[in-house]
């Protein structure tokens, strides 16, 4: 699935991923391929990504919003 992480300053990440773990307001949750459509707010924490080539990438965020639809995930992060 395609993931884009965007902050007010720049695009932090864009690429194919297998898993995204996000710090939701009500707790951490994961998005995998073919996830149901979702829009959720994010709390302060760490976004953990597992890329298609097996690498693990971490991003710290102060909050934001995530949208997932048709295997396209967009994170607008603070």
Protein backbone atom coordinates (compact mmCIF):
# COMPACT_ATOMS: atom_id res chain seq x y z
CA UNK A 1 0.00 0.00 0.00
CA UNK A 2 1.11 3.56 -0.60
CA UNK A 3 1.93 5.77 2.40
CA UNK A 4 2.58 9.50 2.49
CA UNK A 5 3.52 11.36 5.66
CA UNK A 6 3.26 15.13 5.27
CA UNK A 7 4.06 17.91 7.77
CA UNK A 8 3.42 21.64 7.33
CA UNK A 9 7.10 22.00 6.35
CA UNK A 10 7.64 19.10 3.94
CA UNK A 11 6.84 15.58 2.80
CA UNK A 12 8.56 13.26 5.30
CA UNK A 13 7.91 9.91 3.61
CA UNK A 14 6.38 8.55 0.43
CA UNK A 15 6.53 4.92 -0.60
CA UNK A 16 5.18 1.38 -0.51
CA UNK A 17 4.77 -0.17 2.94
CA UNK A 18 3.46 -3.42 4.43
CA UNK A 19 2.47 -2.12 7.87
CA UNK A 20 1.87 1.20 9.62
CA UNK A 21 1.52 1.47 13.41
CA UNK A 22 0.02 4.78 14.55
CA UNK A 23 -0.50 6.53 17.93
CA UNK A 24 -4.27 7.06 17.95
CA UNK A 25 -6.05 9.23 20.51
CA UNK A 26 -7.61 6.09 22.08
CA UNK A 27 -4.45 3.99 21.74
CA UNK A 28 -2.08 2.56 19.18
CA UNK A 29 -3.47 0.87 16.06
CA UNK A 30 -2.14 -0.69 12.85
CA UNK A 31 -3.10 -0.45 9.21
CA UNK A 32 -2.36 -3.34 6.86
CA UNK A 33 -3.10 -3.87 3.17
CA UNK A 34 -6.86 -3.87 2.33
CA UNK A 35 -7.78 -2.12 5.60
CA UNK A 36 -11.31 -0.73 5.75
CA UNK A 37 -11.56 2.99 5.00
CA UNK A 38 -10.74 5.05 8.10
CA UNK A 39 -10.12 8.62 9.21
CA UNK A 40 -8.65 9.07 12.69
CA UNK A 41 -6.92 11.66 14.81
CA UNK A 42 -3.42 10.98 16.10
CA UNK A 43 -1.89 11.67 19.49
CA UNK A 44 1.72 12.49 20.30
CA UNK A 45 3.88 9.42 19.74
CA UNK A 46 5.78 7.35 17.20
CA UNK A 47 4.66 6.16 13.78
CA UNK A 48 6.28 2.81 13.00
CA UNK A 49 6.50 1.72 9.36
CA UNK A 50 7.58 -1.59 7.90
CA UNK A 51 8.57 -0.98 4.29
CA UNK A 52 8.05 -3.45 1.46
CA UNK A 53 11.76 -4.32 1.55
CA UNK A 54 11.62 -5.20 5.29
CA UNK A 55 13.12 -2.04 6.79
CA UNK A 56 11.59 -0.51 9.92
CA UNK A 57 11.31 3.29 9.96
CA UNK A 58 10.19 5.46 12.91
CA UNK A 59 8.78 9.01 12.88
CA UNK A 60 7.94 11.06 15.99
CA UNK A 61 4.78 13.16 15.73
CA UNK A 62 3.02 15.64 18.01
CA UNK A 63 -0.41 14.68 16.65
CA UNK A 64 -2.25 14.83 13.36
CA UNK A 65 -4.76 13.00 11.19
CA UNK A 66 -4.63 9.78 9.15
CA UNK A 67 -6.82 8.72 6.25
CA UNK A 68 -6.82 5.27 4.66
CA UNK A 69 -8.80 4.52 1.51
CA UNK A 70 -8.21 1.90 -1.21
CA UNK A 71 -4.68 1.07 0.03
CA UNK A 72 -3.60 4.71 0.03
CA UNK A 73 -2.70 6.03 3.49
CA UNK A 74 -2.13 9.74 4.06
CA UNK A 75 -0.83 11.10 7.37
CA UNK A 76 -0.99 14.84 8.02
CA UNK A 77 1.35 15.19 11.00
CA UNK A 78 2.33 17.99 13.34
